[in-house]
Amino acid sequence: MATQNRSRLSYKIIFAVNHPGQVLPYGRRLARDLWLRARFRDHVSYYRAVMRHDAKASPVAAVGSRSREQWQQFGQMQFDYLVEHGLKPDDRLLEIGCGNLRAGRLFIGYLDVGNYYGIDICPEMLLSACHPPR
């Protein structure tokens, strides 16, 4: 089965007709993205600006979760996967793109002290980890 090209205008029109409630949020996000692209020419600065905006609105949604429960569930799923595949407390883990520590909070408690390293391109996401989603 061939996958549909979501960037095609015809796909977007059909999607809009079938999901009218998503048209306004899509338009807002598109306008925000165009405005940020005009302000931040390089990809890294643009991405940081998008994440800063998203983290302000909702740190949970910024990392792709719809709710606090889903945020916890996804973090647990990532944690369980690595433990099931042999991660031990004395191992070291570098999480690139750790966001607001959705899984990192579990690794910090599981791994020996100093064995978890998390980095993220967006300082606001890391700061949002200081106040976990409620």
N, C-alpha and C. Protein backbone atom coordinates (compact mmCIF):
# COMPACT_ATOMS: atom_id res chain seq x y z
N MET A 1 0.84 -1.19 0.00
CA MET A 1 0.00 0.00 0.00
C MET A 1 0.89 1.25 0.00
N ALA A 2 0.65 2.13 -0.91
CA ALA A 2 1.44 3.36 -1.01
C ALA A 2 1.00 4.35 0.06
N THR A 3 1.97 5.05 0.63
CA THR A 3 1.64 6.07 1.62
C THR A 3 1.28 7.36 0.89
N GLN A 4 0.39 8.12 1.49
CA GLN A 4 -0.03 9.36 0.87
C GLN A 4 0.98 10.46 1.17
N ASN A 5 1.14 11.35 0.22
CA ASN A 5 2.05 12.47 0.37
C ASN A 5 1.31 13.59 1.08
N ARG A 6 1.58 13.77 2.38
CA ARG A 6 0.86 14.76 3.18
C ARG A 6 1.21 16.20 2.83
N SER A 7 2.25 16.40 2.05
CA SER A 7 2.61 17.77 1.67
C SER A 7 1.82 18.26 0.44
N ARG A 8 1.16 17.36 -0.23
CA ARG A 8 0.37 17.74 -1.42
C ARG A 8 -0.85 18.55 -1.01
N LEU A 9 -1.18 19.55 -1.80
CA LEU A 9 -2.34 20.39 -1.52
C LEU A 9 -3.63 19.58 -1.53
N SER A 10 -3.73 18.63 -2.44
CA SER A 10 -4.96 17.82 -2.52
C SER A 10 -5.18 17.04 -1.22
N TYR A 11 -4.10 16.51 -0.64
CA TYR A 11 -4.22 15.78 0.63
C TYR A 11 -4.71 16.73 1.73
N LYS A 12 -4.13 17.93 1.77
CA LYS A 12 -4.48 18.91 2.81
C LYS A 12 -5.95 19.34 2.69
N ILE A 13 -6.43 19.51 1.48
CA ILE A 13 -7.82 19.91 1.28
C ILE A 13 -8.76 18.80 1.74
N ILE A 14 -8.48 17.58 1.35
CA ILE A 14 -9.32 16.45 1.76
C ILE A 14 -9.29 16.30 3.28
N PHE A 15 -8.12 16.43 3.87
CA PHE A 15 -8.00 16.33 5.32
C PHE A 15 -8.82 17.43 6.00
N ALA A 16 -8.73 18.65 5.50
CA ALA A 16 -9.48 19.78 6.08
C ALA A 16 -10.98 19.55 6.01
N VAL A 17 -11.45 19.02 4.90
CA VAL A 17 -12.88 18.75 4.74
C VAL A 17 -13.33 17.69 5.76
N ASN A 18 -12.49 16.69 5.97
CA ASN A 18 -12.83 15.60 6.89
C ASN A 18 -12.58 15.94 8.36
N HIS A 19 -11.76 16.96 8.63
CA HIS A 19 -11.41 17.34 10.01
C HIS A 19 -11.49 18.87 10.16
N PRO A 20 -12.67 19.45 10.05
CA PRO A 20 -12.77 20.92 10.08
C PRO A 20 -12.29 21.56 11.38
N GLY A 21 -12.36 20.85 12.48
CA GLY A 21 -11.91 21.40 13.75
C GLY A 21 -10.40 21.59 13.84
N GLN A 22 -9.67 20.99 12.93
CA GLN A 22 -8.21 21.10 12.96
C GLN A 22 -7.68 22.18 12.02
N VAL A 23 -8.56 22.80 11.27
CA VAL A 23 -8.13 23.81 10.30
C VAL A 23 -7.57 25.05 11.01
N LEU A 24 -8.28 25.59 11.98
CA LEU A 24 -7.82 26.79 12.68
C LEU A 24 -6.50 26.56 13.43
N PRO A 25 -6.36 25.47 14.22
CA PRO A 25 -5.06 25.23 14.86
C PRO A 25 -3.92 25.08 13.85
N TYR A 26 -4.20 24.41 12.72
CA TYR A 26 -3.19 24.26 11.68
C TYR A 26 -2.80 25.62 11.11
N GLY A 27 -3.79 26.47 10.86
CA GLY A 27 -3.51 27.81 10.35
C GLY A 27 -2.67 28.64 11.31
N ARG A 28 -3.00 28.54 12.59
CA ARG A 28 -2.20 29.27 13.61
C ARG A 28 -0.76 28.79 13.62
N ARG A 29 -0.59 27.45 13.61
CA ARG A 29 0.76 26.89 13.64
C ARG A 29 1.53 27.27 12.38
N LEU A 30 0.86 27.24 11.23
CA LEU A 30 1.49 27.63 9.97
C LEU A 30 1.94 29.09 10.01
N ALA A 31 1.07 29.96 10.51
CA ALA A 31 1.42 31.39 10.62
C ALA A 31 2.60 31.58 11.57
N ARG A 32 2.57 30.87 12.71
CA ARG A 32 3.68 30.96 13.66
C ARG A 32 4.98 30.50 13.03
N ASP A 33 4.92 29.38 12.31
CA ASP A 33 6.12 28.84 11.68
C ASP A 33 6.68 29.78 10.61
N LEU A 34 5.80 30.37 9.81
CA LEU A 34 6.26 31.32 8.79
C LEU A 34 6.91 32.54 9.44
N TRP A 35 6.30 33.03 10.51
CA TRP A 35 6.85 34.18 11.23
C TRP A 35 8.21 33.84 11.82
N LEU A 36 8.35 32.66 12.43
CA LEU A 36 9.64 32.27 13.01
C LEU A 36 10.69 32.02 11.93
N ARG A 37 10.29 31.44 10.80
CA ARG A 37 11.26 31.22 9.71
C ARG A 37 11.80 32.54 9.18
N ALA A 38 10.95 33.56 9.15
CA ALA A 38 11.40 34.87 8.69
C ALA A 38 12.38 35.50 9.68
N ARG A 39 12.19 35.24 10.95
CA ARG A 39 13.05 35.82 11.99
C ARG A 39 14.34 35.04 12.20
N PHE A 40 14.29 33.72 12.06
CA PHE A 40 15.44 32.87 12.34
C PHE A 40 15.80 32.09 11.08
N ARG A 41 16.86 32.51 10.43
CA ARG A 41 17.21 31.95 9.12
C ARG A 41 17.84 30.56 9.20
N ASP A 42 18.66 30.30 10.22
CA ASP A 42 19.29 28.99 10.29
C ASP A 42 18.39 28.00 11.03
N HIS A 43 18.54 26.73 10.71
CA HIS A 43 17.65 25.70 11.23
C HIS A 43 17.69 25.59 12.76
N VAL A 44 18.88 25.66 13.33
CA VAL A 44 19.01 25.49 14.79
C VAL A 44 18.28 26.61 15.53
N SER A 45 18.47 27.84 15.11
CA SER A 45 17.78 28.97 15.76
C SER A 45 16.27 28.87 15.57
N TYR A 46 15.86 28.46 14.38
CA TYR A 46 14.43 28.29 14.11
C TYR A 46 13.85 27.21 15.02
N TYR A 47 14.52 26.06 15.10
CA TYR A 47 14.04 24.95 15.92
C TYR A 47 13.97 25.36 17.40
N ARG A 48 14.98 26.05 17.86
CA ARG A 48 14.96 26.51 19.26
C ARG A 48 13.78 27.44 19.51
N ALA A 49 13.50 28.30 18.56
CA ALA A 49 12.36 29.23 18.71
C ALA A 49 11.04 28.47 18.74
N VAL A 50 10.90 27.47 17.88
CA VAL A 50 9.68 26.66 17.88
C VAL A 50 9.53 25.95 19.23
N MET A 51 10.59 25.32 19.70
CA MET A 51 10.52 24.59 20.97
C MET A 51 10.28 25.54 22.14
N ARG A 52 10.87 26.72 22.09
CA ARG A 52 10.64 27.71 23.16
C ARG A 52 9.16 28.07 23.21
N HIS A 53 8.58 28.31 22.05
CA HIS A 53 7.16 28.64 21.96
C HIS A 53 6.30 27.47 22.46
N ASP A 54 6.61 26.27 21.99
CA ASP A 54 5.83 25.09 22.38
C ASP A 54 5.98 24.78 23.87
N ALA A 55 7.19 24.93 24.41
CA ALA A 55 7.42 24.65 25.82
C ALA A 55 6.65 25.61 26.71
N LYS A 56 6.55 26.87 26.27
CA LYS A 56 5.77 27.86 27.02
C LYS A 56 4.30 27.49 27.05
N ALA A 57 3.79 27.05 25.91
CA ALA A 57 2.37 26.70 25.81
C ALA A 57 2.06 25.42 26.57
N SER A 58 2.90 24.38 26.39
CA SER A 58 2.67 23.10 27.06
C SER A 58 3.90 22.21 26.91
N PRO A 59 4.70 22.07 27.97
CA PRO A 59 5.87 21.19 27.88
C PRO A 59 5.51 19.76 27.53
N VAL A 60 4.33 19.30 27.93
CA VAL A 60 3.89 17.95 27.61
C VAL A 60 3.66 17.82 26.11
N ALA A 61 2.94 18.75 25.53
CA ALA A 61 2.65 18.70 24.10
C ALA A 61 3.91 18.94 23.27
N ALA A 62 4.83 19.73 23.79
CA ALA A 62 6.06 20.05 23.05
C ALA A 62 6.88 18.80 22.75
N VAL A 63 6.76 17.77 23.59
CA VAL A 63 7.51 16.54 23.34
C VAL A 63 6.63 15.45 22.73
N GLY A 64 5.47 15.84 22.23
CA GLY A 64 4.63 14.92 21.49
C GLY A 64 3.64 14.12 22.31
N SER A 65 3.28 14.59 23.48
CA SER A 65 2.30 13.89 24.30
C SER A 65 1.01 14.71 24.36
N ARG A 66 -0.11 14.01 24.42
CA ARG A 66 -1.41 14.69 24.48
C ARG A 66 -1.87 14.98 25.90
N SER A 67 -1.29 14.28 26.87
CA SER A 67 -1.71 14.45 28.26
C SER A 67 -0.56 14.06 29.18
N ARG A 68 -0.70 14.38 30.45
CA ARG A 68 0.31 13.99 31.44
C ARG A 68 0.41 12.48 31.50
N GLU A 69 -0.71 11.80 31.42
CA GLU A 69 -0.71 10.34 31.47
C GLU A 69 0.05 9.74 30.29
N GLN A 70 -0.15 10.31 29.10
CA GLN A 70 0.56 9.82 27.93
C GLN A 70 2.05 10.15 28.05
N TRP A 71 2.37 11.32 28.60
CA TRP A 71 3.77 11.70 28.84
C TRP A 71 4.45 10.66 29.72
N GLN A 72 3.78 10.28 30.81
CA GLN A 72 4.34 9.27 31.71
C GLN A 72 4.44 7.91 31.03
N GLN A 73 3.41 7.56 30.27
CA GLN A 73 3.37 6.28 29.57
C GLN A 73 4.52 6.15 28.57
N PHE A 74 4.75 7.18 27.77
CA PHE A 74 5.83 7.14 26.78
C PHE A 74 7.19 7.04 27.46
N GLY A 75 7.38 7.80 28.54
CA GLY A 75 8.64 7.71 29.28
C GLY A 75 8.87 6.32 29.83
N GLN A 76 7.81 5.74 30.39
CA GLN A 76 7.91 4.38 30.94
C GLN A 76 8.22 3.37 29.84
N MET A 77 7.61 3.56 28.68
CA MET A 77 7.84 2.66 27.54
C MET A 77 9.31 2.72 27.10
N GLN A 78 9.88 3.93 27.03
CA GLN A 78 11.29 4.07 26.65
C GLN A 78 12.19 3.41 27.69
N PHE A 79 11.89 3.67 28.95
CA PHE A 79 12.67 3.10 30.05
C PHE A 79 12.61 1.57 30.01
N ASP A 80 11.41 1.01 29.95
CA ASP A 80 11.24 -0.45 29.94
C ASP A 80 11.97 -1.09 28.77
N TYR A 81 11.92 -0.45 27.61
CA TYR A 81 12.58 -0.99 26.43
C TYR A 81 14.08 -1.17 26.67
N LEU A 82 14.72 -0.12 27.19
CA LEU A 82 16.17 -0.21 27.40
C LEU A 82 16.54 -1.19 28.51
N VAL A 83 15.75 -1.22 29.57
CA VAL A 83 16.03 -2.17 30.65
C VAL A 83 15.86 -3.61 30.14
N GLU A 84 14.79 -3.85 29.38
CA GLU A 84 14.55 -5.18 28.82
C GLU A 84 15.65 -5.60 27.84
N HIS A 85 16.32 -4.62 27.25
CA HIS A 85 17.40 -4.92 26.31
C HIS A 85 18.78 -4.82 26.94
N GLY A 86 18.82 -4.88 28.28
CA GLY A 86 20.10 -5.05 28.96
C GLY A 86 20.68 -3.85 29.69
N LEU A 87 19.98 -2.73 29.76
CA LEU A 87 20.53 -1.59 30.49
C LEU A 87 20.61 -1.94 31.98
N LYS A 88 21.81 -1.76 32.53
CA LYS A 88 22.03 -2.07 33.95
C LYS A 88 22.38 -0.79 34.70
N PRO A 89 22.16 -0.77 36.02
CA PRO A 89 22.42 0.45 36.80
C PRO A 89 23.84 0.99 36.68
N ASP A 90 24.82 0.14 36.42
CA ASP A 90 26.19 0.64 36.31
C ASP A 90 26.56 1.09 34.90
N ASP A 91 25.61 0.97 33.95
CA ASP A 91 25.84 1.47 32.59
C ASP A 91 25.72 3.00 32.59
N ARG A 92 26.26 3.60 31.54
CA ARG A 92 26.12 5.04 31.33
C ARG A 92 25.18 5.26 30.16
N LEU A 93 24.40 6.33 30.25
CA LEU A 93 23.43 6.62 29.20
C LEU A 93 23.51 8.09 28.84
N LEU A 94 23.68 8.35 27.54
CA LEU A 94 23.62 9.70 27.01
C LEU A 94 22.34 9.81 26.20
N GLU A 95 21.44 10.67 26.65
CA GLU A 95 20.18 10.88 25.93
C GLU A 95 20.26 12.21 25.20
N ILE A 96 20.36 12.14 23.90
CA ILE A 96 20.43 13.34 23.07
C ILE A 96 18.99 13.71 22.69
N GLY A 97 18.59 14.91 23.06
CA GLY A 97 17.20 15.32 22.85
C GLY A 97 16.32 14.86 24.00
N CYS A 98 16.81 15.03 25.22
CA CYS A 98 16.11 14.52 26.40
C CYS A 98 14.85 15.32 26.74
N GLY A 99 14.68 16.48 26.12
CA GLY A 99 13.47 17.28 26.36
C GLY A 99 13.26 17.59 27.82
N ASN A 100 12.06 17.32 28.31
CA ASN A 100 11.75 17.61 29.71
C ASN A 100 11.84 16.35 30.58
N LEU A 101 12.75 15.47 30.19
CA LEU A 101 13.08 14.25 30.95
C LEU A 101 11.91 13.28 31.08
N ARG A 102 11.15 13.16 30.02
CA ARG A 102 10.02 12.23 30.01
C ARG A 102 10.50 10.82 30.39
N ALA A 103 11.59 10.36 29.81
CA ALA A 103 12.18 9.08 30.20
C ALA A 103 13.36 9.30 31.15
N GLY A 104 14.02 10.43 30.98
CA GLY A 104 15.22 10.71 31.78
C GLY A 104 14.98 10.65 33.27
N ARG A 105 13.80 11.09 33.72
CA ARG A 105 13.51 11.05 35.16
C ARG A 105 13.57 9.63 35.70
N LEU A 106 13.22 8.65 34.87
CA LEU A 106 13.28 7.26 35.29
C LEU A 106 14.71 6.72 35.25
N PHE A 107 15.46 7.13 34.23
CA PHE A 107 16.85 6.69 34.13
C PHE A 107 17.69 7.26 35.27
N ILE A 108 17.42 8.49 35.66
CA ILE A 108 18.17 9.11 36.75
C ILE A 108 18.02 8.31 38.04
N GLY A 109 16.80 7.85 38.30
CA GLY A 109 16.57 7.05 39.50
C GLY A 109 17.09 5.63 39.41
N TYR A 110 17.23 5.10 38.21
CA TYR A 110 17.64 3.71 38.00
C TYR A 110 19.16 3.55 37.91
N LEU A 111 19.79 4.45 37.19
CA LEU A 111 21.24 4.33 36.97
C LEU A 111 22.02 4.82 38.19
N ASP A 112 23.23 4.29 38.33
CA ASP A 112 24.10 4.76 39.40
C ASP A 112 24.30 6.27 39.27
N VAL A 113 24.55 6.92 40.38
CA VAL A 113 24.73 8.37 40.41
C VAL A 113 25.79 8.79 39.39
N GLY A 114 25.44 9.77 38.57
CA GLY A 114 26.38 10.30 37.58
C GLY A 114 26.41 9.54 36.27
N ASN A 115 25.57 8.53 36.10
CA ASN A 115 25.61 7.72 34.88
C ASN A 115 24.57 8.11 33.83
N TYR A 116 23.76 9.11 34.12
CA TYR A 116 22.80 9.61 33.14
C TYR A 116 23.24 10.99 32.69
N TYR A 117 23.26 11.18 31.37
CA TYR A 117 23.59 12.48 30.80
C TYR A 117 22.49 12.81 29.79
N GLY A 118 21.84 13.93 29.98
CA GLY A 118 20.79 14.35 29.06
C GLY A 118 21.10 15.72 28.50
N ILE A 119 21.01 15.85 27.19
CA ILE A 119 21.23 17.15 26.55
C ILE A 119 20.05 17.44 25.62
N ASP A 120 19.78 18.72 25.45
CA ASP A 120 18.70 19.13 24.55
C ASP A 120 19.08 20.46 23.92
N ILE A 121 18.62 20.68 22.71
CA ILE A 121 18.94 21.89 21.98
C ILE A 121 18.21 23.11 22.55
N CYS A 122 17.13 22.86 23.29
CA CYS A 122 16.28 23.93 23.78
C CYS A 122 16.39 24.07 25.30
N PRO A 123 17.02 25.12 25.79
CA PRO A 123 17.15 25.30 27.24
C PRO A 123 15.80 25.34 27.96
N GLU A 124 14.78 25.88 27.30
CA GLU A 124 13.45 25.96 27.94
C GLU A 124 12.88 24.58 28.22
N MET A 125 13.18 23.62 27.35
CA MET A 125 12.69 22.26 27.59
C MET A 125 13.37 21.67 28.82
N LEU A 126 14.66 21.88 28.93
CA LEU A 126 15.38 21.38 30.11
C LEU A 126 14.87 22.05 31.38
N LEU A 127 14.62 23.35 31.31
CA LEU A 127 14.10 24.06 32.48
C LEU A 127 12.71 23.58 32.86
N SER A 128 11.92 23.21 31.86
CA SER A 128 10.57 22.71 32.17
C SER A 128 10.64 21.38 32.93
N ALA A 129 11.76 20.68 32.84
CA ALA A 129 11.93 19.43 33.58
C ALA A 129 12.00 19.69 35.08
N CYS A 130 12.35 20.90 35.47
CA CYS A 130 12.39 21.25 36.90
C CYS A 130 10.99 21.28 37.50
N HIS A 131 10.00 21.43 36.64
CA HIS A 131 8.59 21.45 37.07
C HIS A 131 7.84 20.44 36.23
N PRO A 132 7.87 19.16 36.63
CA PRO A 132 7.25 18.11 35.81
C PRO A 132 5.79 18.40 35.51
N PRO A 133 5.31 17.91 34.38
CA PRO A 133 3.91 18.13 34.00
C PRO A 133 2.94 17.64 35.05
N ARG A 134 1.85 18.37 35.23
CA ARG A 134 0.83 17.97 36.20
C ARG A 134 -0.40 17.48 35.49
